[in-house]
Amino acid sequence: MAATGKKRNQIATAFGAVLRLARTKVGLSQEALALACDMDRTYISMLERGERQPTLGTVFALSEQLGVTAESLVAQTGKALH
């Protein structure tokens, strides 16, 4: 079942908050994380603000650079929704 527009926005916002927390916890700037993942800094910013949703490949790339599992990022996002 597809998420509605409102639910999709809530998921994006929750993931962004989880990403920002994980990034700051390891002391990386948006730019440093973006460079490590071969992404643009503005994309990291848009993810953190909930303006974009990452692909599965992006979640794995981010998790590797943040030293966490992709599963934990998704699980924390799910917890943030409840």
PDB file of N, CA and C in Angstrom:
ATOM      1  N   MET A   1       0.844  -1.186   0.000  1.00  0.00           N
ATOM      2  CA  MET A   1       0.000   0.000   0.000  1.00  0.00           C
ATOM      3  C   MET A   1       0.886   1.245   0.000  1.00  0.00           C
ATOM      4  N   ALA A   2       0.648   2.147  -0.906  1.00  0.00           N
ATOM      5  CA  ALA A   2       1.468   3.347  -1.035  1.00  0.00           C
ATOM      6  C   ALA A   2       1.120   4.356   0.055  1.00  0.00           C
ATOM      7  N   ALA A   3       2.132   5.076   0.479  1.00  0.00           N
ATOM      8  CA  ALA A   3       1.922   6.115   1.483  1.00  0.00           C
ATOM      9  C   ALA A   3       1.244   7.312   0.827  1.00  0.00           C
ATOM     10  N   THR A   4       0.360   7.944   1.550  1.00  0.00           N
ATOM     11  CA  THR A   4      -0.286   9.145   1.036  1.00  0.00           C
ATOM     12  C   THR A   4       0.725  10.284   1.053  1.00  0.00           C
ATOM     13  N   GLY A   5       0.387  11.390   0.389  1.00  0.00           N
ATOM     14  CA  GLY A   5       1.283  12.537   0.348  1.00  0.00           C
ATOM     15  C   GLY A   5       1.661  13.031   1.727  1.00  0.00           C
ATOM     16  N   LYS A   6       0.673  13.108   2.619  1.00  0.00           N
ATOM     17  CA  LYS A   6       0.938  13.590   3.976  1.00  0.00           C
ATOM     18  C   LYS A   6       1.852  12.618   4.720  1.00  0.00           C
ATOM     19  N   LYS A   7       1.568  11.332   4.620  1.00  0.00           N
ATOM     20  CA  LYS A   7       2.379  10.316   5.289  1.00  0.00           C
ATOM     21  C   LYS A   7       3.799  10.317   4.720  1.00  0.00           C
ATOM     22  N   ARG A   8       3.912  10.486   3.403  1.00  0.00           N
ATOM     23  CA  ARG A   8       5.217  10.532   2.738  1.00  0.00           C
ATOM     24  C   ARG A   8       6.042  11.687   3.299  1.00  0.00           C
ATOM     25  N   ASN A   9       5.407  12.839   3.482  1.00  0.00           N
ATOM     26  CA  ASN A   9       6.099  13.994   4.053  1.00  0.00           C
ATOM     27  C   ASN A   9       6.522  13.730   5.486  1.00  0.00           C
ATOM     28  N   GLN A  10       5.685  13.060   6.253  1.00  0.00           N
ATOM     29  CA  GLN A  10       6.033  12.737   7.635  1.00  0.00           C
ATOM     30  C   GLN A  10       7.225  11.787   7.679  1.00  0.00           C
ATOM     31  N   ILE A  11       7.264  10.840   6.783  1.00  0.00           N
ATOM     32  CA  ILE A  11       8.381   9.897   6.729  1.00  0.00           C
ATOM     33  C   ILE A  11       9.667  10.639   6.367  1.00  0.00           C
ATOM     34  N   ALA A  12       9.590  11.500   5.366  1.00  0.00           N
ATOM     35  CA  ALA A  12      10.763  12.265   4.939  1.00  0.00           C
ATOM     36  C   ALA A  12      11.276  13.149   6.065  1.00  0.00           C
ATOM     37  N   THR A  13      10.374  13.794   6.787  1.00  0.00           N
ATOM     38  CA  THR A  13      10.761  14.654   7.896  1.00  0.00           C
ATOM     39  C   THR A  13      11.387  13.845   9.028  1.00  0.00           C
ATOM     40  N   ALA A  14      10.802  12.697   9.337  1.00  0.00           N
ATOM     41  CA  ALA A  14      11.337  11.833  10.394  1.00  0.00           C
ATOM     42  C   ALA A  14      12.723  11.308  10.015  1.00  0.00           C
ATOM     43  N   PHE A  15      12.882  10.861   8.760  1.00  0.00           N
ATOM     44  CA  PHE A  15      14.189  10.384   8.327  1.00  0.00           C
ATOM     45  C   PHE A  15      15.213  11.511   8.404  1.00  0.00           C
ATOM     46  N   GLY A  16      14.827  12.702   7.999  1.00  0.00           N
ATOM     47  CA  GLY A  16      15.738  13.850   8.056  1.00  0.00           C
ATOM     48  C   GLY A  16      16.235  14.129   9.457  1.00  0.00           C
ATOM     49  N   ALA A  17      15.344  14.039  10.430  1.00  0.00           N
ATOM     50  CA  ALA A  17      15.737  14.263  11.818  1.00  0.00           C
ATOM     51  C   ALA A  17      16.699  13.177  12.298  1.00  0.00           C
ATOM     52  N   VAL A  18      16.423  11.933  11.917  1.00  0.00           N
ATOM     53  CA  VAL A  18      17.300  10.808  12.278  1.00  0.00           C
ATOM     54  C   VAL A  18      18.669  10.989  11.627  1.00  0.00           C
ATOM     55  N   LEU A  19      18.680  11.371  10.374  1.00  0.00           N
ATOM     56  CA  LEU A  19      19.935  11.585   9.663  1.00  0.00           C
ATOM     57  C   LEU A  19      20.750  12.698  10.309  1.00  0.00           C
ATOM     58  N   ARG A  20      20.117  13.808  10.612  1.00  0.00           N
ATOM     59  CA  ARG A  20      20.815  14.937  11.233  1.00  0.00           C
ATOM     60  C   ARG A  20      21.414  14.532  12.575  1.00  0.00           C
ATOM     61  N   LEU A  21      20.645  13.806  13.371  1.00  0.00           N
ATOM     62  CA  LEU A  21      21.139  13.364  14.677  1.00  0.00           C
ATOM     63  C   LEU A  21      22.352  12.442  14.510  1.00  0.00           C
ATOM     64  N   ALA A  22      22.256  11.492  13.602  1.00  0.00           N
ATOM     65  CA  ALA A  22      23.368  10.552  13.375  1.00  0.00           C
ATOM     66  C   ALA A  22      24.601  11.285  12.866  1.00  0.00           C
ATOM     67  N   ARG A  23      24.401  12.239  11.980  1.00  0.00           N
ATOM     68  CA  ARG A  23      25.519  12.998  11.416  1.00  0.00           C
ATOM     69  C   ARG A  23      26.218  13.841  12.470  1.00  0.00           C
ATOM     70  N   THR A  24      25.444  14.542  13.272  1.00  0.00           N
ATOM     71  CA  THR A  24      26.055  15.393  14.296  1.00  0.00           C
ATOM     72  C   THR A  24      26.690  14.561  15.404  1.00  0.00           C
ATOM     73  N   LYS A  25      26.127  13.401  15.661  1.00  0.00           N
ATOM     74  CA  LYS A  25      26.672  12.509  16.689  1.00  0.00           C
ATOM     75  C   LYS A  25      28.095  12.076  16.355  1.00  0.00           C
ATOM     76  N   VAL A  26      28.379  11.867  15.067  1.00  0.00           N
ATOM     77  CA  VAL A  26      29.738  11.471  14.669  1.00  0.00           C
ATOM     78  C   VAL A  26      30.596  12.680  14.296  1.00  0.00           C
ATOM     79  N   GLY A  27      30.039  13.868  14.409  1.00  0.00           N
ATOM     80  CA  GLY A  27      30.812  15.083  14.199  1.00  0.00           C
ATOM     81  C   GLY A  27      31.110  15.434  12.754  1.00  0.00           C
ATOM     82  N   LEU A  28      30.253  15.009  11.842  1.00  0.00           N
ATOM     83  CA  LEU A  28      30.442  15.334  10.429  1.00  0.00           C
ATOM     84  C   LEU A  28      29.577  16.530  10.035  1.00  0.00           C
ATOM     85  N   SER A  29      30.128  17.382   9.201  1.00  0.00           N
ATOM     86  CA  SER A  29      29.316  18.445   8.601  1.00  0.00           C
ATOM     87  C   SER A  29      28.525  17.839   7.451  1.00  0.00           C
ATOM     88  N   GLN A  30      27.538  18.571   6.982  1.00  0.00           N
ATOM     89  CA  GLN A  30      26.799  18.112   5.806  1.00  0.00           C
ATOM     90  C   GLN A  30      27.752  17.936   4.631  1.00  0.00           C
ATOM     91  N   GLU A  31      28.666  18.869   4.487  1.00  0.00           N
ATOM     92  CA  GLU A  31      29.612  18.808   3.378  1.00  0.00           C
ATOM     93  C   GLU A  31      30.519  17.587   3.479  1.00  0.00           C
ATOM     94  N   ALA A  32      31.028  17.298   4.665  1.00  0.00           N
ATOM     95  CA  ALA A  32      31.914  16.139   4.846  1.00  0.00           C
ATOM     96  C   ALA A  32      31.171  14.837   4.553  1.00  0.00           C
ATOM     97  N   LEU A  33      29.930  14.736   5.014  1.00  0.00           N
ATOM     98  CA  LEU A  33      29.129  13.544   4.750  1.00  0.00           C
ATOM     99  C   LEU A  33      28.860  13.413   3.254  1.00  0.00           C
ATOM    100  N   ALA A  34      28.507  14.505   2.636  1.00  0.00           N
ATOM    101  CA  ALA A  34      28.229  14.489   1.200  1.00  0.00           C
ATOM    102  C   ALA A  34      29.463  14.049   0.410  1.00  0.00           C
ATOM    103  N   LEU A  35      30.614  14.589   0.735  1.00  0.00           N
ATOM    104  CA  LEU A  35      31.845  14.214   0.041  1.00  0.00           C
ATOM    105  C   LEU A  35      32.157  12.734   0.228  1.00  0.00           C
ATOM    106  N   ALA A  36      31.988  12.239   1.444  1.00  0.00           N
ATOM    107  CA  ALA A  36      32.270  10.831   1.731  1.00  0.00           C
ATOM    108  C   ALA A  36      31.329   9.903   0.971  1.00  0.00           C
ATOM    109  N   CYS A  37      30.117  10.369   0.707  1.00  0.00           N
ATOM    110  CA  CYS A  37      29.110   9.558   0.006  1.00  0.00           C
ATOM    111  C   CYS A  37      29.046   9.862  -1.487  1.00  0.00           C
ATOM    112  N   ASP A  38      29.903  10.760  -1.958  1.00  0.00           N
ATOM    113  CA  ASP A  38      29.889  11.188  -3.359  1.00  0.00           C
ATOM    114  C   ASP A  38      28.528  11.784  -3.735  1.00  0.00           C
ATOM    115  N   MET A  39      28.062  12.662  -2.867  1.00  0.00           N
ATOM    116  CA  MET A  39      26.782  13.350  -3.076  1.00  0.00           C
ATOM    117  C   MET A  39      27.009  14.850  -2.962  1.00  0.00           C
ATOM    118  N   ASP A  40      26.017  15.611  -3.345  1.00  0.00           N
ATOM    119  CA  ASP A  40      26.084  17.056  -3.213  1.00  0.00           C
ATOM    120  C   ASP A  40      25.631  17.463  -1.812  1.00  0.00           C
ATOM    121  N   ARG A  41      26.278  18.477  -1.239  1.00  0.00           N
ATOM    122  CA  ARG A  41      25.907  18.932   0.095  1.00  0.00           C
ATOM    123  C   ARG A  41      24.455  19.384   0.153  1.00  0.00           C
ATOM    124  N   THR A  42      23.971  19.989  -0.920  1.00  0.00           N
ATOM    125  CA  THR A  42      22.586  20.455  -0.903  1.00  0.00           C
ATOM    126  C   THR A  42      21.606  19.286  -0.819  1.00  0.00           C
ATOM    127  N   TYR A  43      21.992  18.122  -1.358  1.00  0.00           N
ATOM    128  CA  TYR A  43      21.127  16.942  -1.263  1.00  0.00           C
ATOM    129  C   TYR A  43      21.025  16.487   0.190  1.00  0.00           C
ATOM    130  N   ILE A  44      22.146  16.483   0.911  1.00  0.00           N
ATOM    131  CA  ILE A  44      22.122  16.127   2.335  1.00  0.00           C
ATOM    132  C   ILE A  44      21.230  17.104   3.090  1.00  0.00           C
ATOM    133  N   SER A  45      21.353  18.376   2.780  1.00  0.00           N
ATOM    134  CA  SER A  45      20.522  19.395   3.418  1.00  0.00           C
ATOM    135  C   SER A  45      19.040  19.150   3.140  1.00  0.00           C
ATOM    136  N   MET A  46      18.713  18.831   1.897  1.00  0.00           N
ATOM    137  CA  MET A  46      17.312  18.577   1.547  1.00  0.00           C
ATOM    138  C   MET A  46      16.792  17.316   2.232  1.00  0.00           C
ATOM    139  N   LEU A  47      17.633  16.299   2.365  1.00  0.00           N
ATOM    140  CA  LEU A  47      17.227  15.101   3.104  1.00  0.00           C
ATOM    141  C   LEU A  47      16.924  15.455   4.552  1.00  0.00           C
ATOM    142  N   GLU A  48      17.812  16.204   5.181  1.00  0.00           N
ATOM    143  CA  GLU A  48      17.635  16.551   6.589  1.00  0.00           C
ATOM    144  C   GLU A  48      16.413  17.428   6.837  1.00  0.00           C
ATOM    145  N   ARG A  49      16.030  18.208   5.857  1.00  0.00           N
ATOM    146  CA  ARG A  49      14.835  19.057   5.999  1.00  0.00           C
ATOM    147  C   ARG A  49      13.564  18.351   5.568  1.00  0.00           C
ATOM    148  N   GLY A  50      13.693  17.108   5.133  1.00  0.00           N
ATOM    149  CA  GLY A  50      12.519  16.351   4.709  1.00  0.00           C
ATOM    150  C   GLY A  50      11.988  16.752   3.355  1.00  0.00           C
ATOM    151  N   GLU A  51      12.815  17.428   2.561  1.00  0.00           N
ATOM    152  CA  GLU A  51      12.387  17.867   1.235  1.00  0.00           C
ATOM    153  C   GLU A  51      12.602  16.800   0.175  1.00  0.00           C
ATOM    154  N   ARG A  52      13.432  15.819   0.470  1.00  0.00           N
ATOM    155  CA  ARG A  52      13.704  14.711  -0.447  1.00  0.00           C
ATOM    156  C   ARG A  52      13.686  13.416   0.349  1.00  0.00           C
ATOM    157  N   GLN A  53      13.422  12.314  -0.354  1.00  0.00           N
ATOM    158  CA  GLN A  53      13.492  10.992   0.264  1.00  0.00           C
ATOM    159  C   GLN A  53      14.614  10.214  -0.401  1.00  0.00           C
ATOM    160  N   PRO A  54      15.424   9.526   0.385  1.00  0.00           N
ATOM    161  CA  PRO A  54      16.559   8.814  -0.196  1.00  0.00           C
ATOM    162  C   PRO A  54      16.142   7.498  -0.848  1.00  0.00           C
ATOM    163  N   THR A  55      16.944   7.072  -1.807  1.00  0.00           N
ATOM    164  CA  THR A  55      16.778   5.729  -2.358  1.00  0.00           C
ATOM    165  C   THR A  55      17.387   4.743  -1.365  1.00  0.00           C
ATOM    166  N   LEU A  56      17.124   3.486  -1.574  1.00  0.00           N
ATOM    167  CA  LEU A  56      17.699   2.459  -0.713  1.00  0.00           C
ATOM    168  C   LEU A  56      19.225   2.496  -0.782  1.00  0.00           C
ATOM    169  N   GLY A  57      19.769   2.690  -1.971  1.00  0.00           N
ATOM    170  CA  GLY A  57      21.218   2.791  -2.121  1.00  0.00           C
ATOM    171  C   GLY A  57      21.790   3.956  -1.338  1.00  0.00           C
ATOM    172  N   THR A  58      21.071   5.059  -1.322  1.00  0.00           N
ATOM    173  CA  THR A  58      21.506   6.234  -0.569  1.00  0.00           C
ATOM    174  C   THR A  58      21.494   5.951   0.926  1.00  0.00           C
ATOM    175  N   VAL A  59      20.469   5.269   1.405  1.00  0.00           N
ATOM    176  CA  VAL A  59      20.404   4.920   2.839  1.00  0.00           C
ATOM    177  C   VAL A  59      21.621   4.079   3.224  1.00  0.00           C
ATOM    178  N   PHE A  60      21.975   3.114   2.374  1.00  0.00           N
ATOM    179  CA  PHE A  60      23.137   2.278   2.664  1.00  0.00           C
ATOM    180  C   PHE A  60      24.433   3.086   2.626  1.00  0.00           C
ATOM    181  N   ALA A  61      24.585   3.983   1.658  1.00  0.00           N
ATOM    182  CA  ALA A  61      25.787   4.814   1.569  1.00  0.00           C
ATOM    183  C   ALA A  61      25.919   5.720   2.788  1.00  0.00           C
ATOM    184  N   LEU A  62      24.810   6.337   3.187  1.00  0.00           N
ATOM    185  CA  LEU A  62      24.821   7.205   4.366  1.00  0.00           C
ATOM    186  C   LEU A  62      25.169   6.412   5.620  1.00  0.00           C
ATOM    187  N   SER A  63      24.536   5.260   5.775  1.00  0.00           N
ATOM    188  CA  SER A  63      24.764   4.465   6.990  1.00  0.00           C
ATOM    189  C   SER A  63      26.221   4.030   7.099  1.00  0.00           C
ATOM    190  N   GLU A  64      26.816   3.669   5.983  1.00  0.00           N
ATOM    191  CA  GLU A  64      28.229   3.246   6.005  1.00  0.00           C
ATOM    192  C   GLU A  64      29.128   4.372   6.495  1.00  0.00           C
ATOM    193  N   GLN A  65      28.905   5.559   6.009  1.00  0.00           N
ATOM    194  CA  GLN A  65      29.733   6.705   6.403  1.00  0.00           C
ATOM    195  C   GLN A  65      29.444   7.175   7.831  1.00  0.00           C
ATOM    196  N   LEU A  66      28.236   6.903   8.305  1.00  0.00           N
ATOM    197  CA  LEU A  66      27.857   7.306   9.668  1.00  0.00           C
ATOM    198  C   LEU A  66      28.206   6.243  10.702  1.00  0.00           C
ATOM    199  N   GLY A  67      28.636   5.074  10.242  1.00  0.00           N
ATOM    200  CA  GLY A  67      29.012   4.010  11.169  1.00  0.00           C
ATOM    201  C   GLY A  67      27.832   3.352  11.855  1.00  0.00           C
ATOM    202  N   VAL A  68      26.701   3.347  11.179  1.00  0.00           N
ATOM    203  CA  VAL A  68      25.493   2.696  11.701  1.00  0.00           C
ATOM    204  C   VAL A  68      24.948   1.793  10.593  1.00  0.00           C
ATOM    205  N   THR A  69      24.019   0.949  10.935  1.00  0.00           N
ATOM    206  CA  THR A  69      23.414   0.105   9.911  1.00  0.00           C
ATOM    207  C   THR A  69      22.255   0.847   9.244  1.00  0.00           C
ATOM    208  N   ALA A  70      21.992   0.459   8.015  1.00  0.00           N
ATOM    209  CA  ALA A  70      20.837   1.015   7.317  1.00  0.00           C
ATOM    210  C   ALA A  70      19.557   0.663   8.074  1.00  0.00           C
ATOM    211  N   GLU A  71      19.544  -0.538   8.625  1.00  0.00           N
ATOM    212  CA  GLU A  71      18.369  -0.992   9.391  1.00  0.00           C
ATOM    213  C   GLU A  71      18.103  -0.087  10.585  1.00  0.00           C
ATOM    214  N   SER A  72      19.167   0.369  11.238  1.00  0.00           N
ATOM    215  CA  SER A  72      18.962   1.230  12.406  1.00  0.00           C
ATOM    216  C   SER A  72      18.410   2.590  11.994  1.00  0.00           C
ATOM    217  N   LEU A  73      18.864   3.117  10.849  1.00  0.00           N
ATOM    218  CA  LEU A  73      18.315   4.391  10.378  1.00  0.00           C
ATOM    219  C   LEU A  73      16.824   4.259  10.088  1.00  0.00           C
ATOM    220  N   VAL A  74      16.450   3.152   9.454  1.00  0.00           N
ATOM    221  CA  VAL A  74      15.032   2.935   9.134  1.00  0.00           C
ATOM    222  C   VAL A  74      14.223   2.709  10.414  1.00  0.00           C
ATOM    223  N   ALA A  75      14.763   1.907  11.329  1.00  0.00           N
ATOM    224  CA  ALA A  75      14.053   1.634  12.586  1.00  0.00           C
ATOM    225  C   ALA A  75      13.865   2.921  13.404  1.00  0.00           C
ATOM    226  N   GLN A  76      14.893   3.747  13.459  1.00  0.00           N
ATOM    227  CA  GLN A  76      14.777   5.002  14.199  1.00  0.00           C
ATOM    228  C   GLN A  76      13.767   5.935  13.540  1.00  0.00           C
ATOM    229  N   THR A  77      13.709   5.888  12.227  1.00  0.00           N
ATOM    230  CA  THR A  77      12.713   6.685  11.505  1.00  0.00           C
ATOM    231  C   THR A  77      11.316   6.213  11.866  1.00  0.00           C
ATOM    232  N   GLY A  78      11.124   4.886  11.898  1.00  0.00           N
ATOM    233  CA  GLY A  78       9.823   4.319  12.281  1.00  0.00           C
ATOM    234  C   GLY A  78       9.425   4.718  13.695  1.00  0.00           C
ATOM    235  N   LYS A  79      10.372   4.697  14.614  1.00  0.00           N
ATOM    236  CA  LYS A  79      10.085   5.090  15.999  1.00  0.00           C
ATOM    237  C   LYS A  79       9.713   6.563  16.086  1.00  0.00           C
ATOM    238  N   ALA A  80      10.376   7.395  15.266  1.00  0.00           N
ATOM    239  CA  ALA A  80      10.082   8.820  15.278  1.00  0.00           C
ATOM    240  C   ALA A  80       8.676   9.130  14.772  1.00  0.00           C
ATOM    241  N   LEU A  81       8.112   8.206  13.986  1.00  0.00           N
ATOM    242  CA  LEU A  81       6.766   8.401  13.463  1.00  0.00           C
ATOM    243  C   LEU A  81       5.680   8.087  14.493  1.00  0.00           C
ATOM    244  N   HIS A  82       6.050   7.357  15.532  1.00  0.00           N
ATOM    245  CA  HIS A  82       5.045   6.939  16.523  1.00  0.00           C
ATOM    246  C   HIS A  82       5.159   7.685  17.816  1.00  0.00           C
TER     247      HIS A  82
END
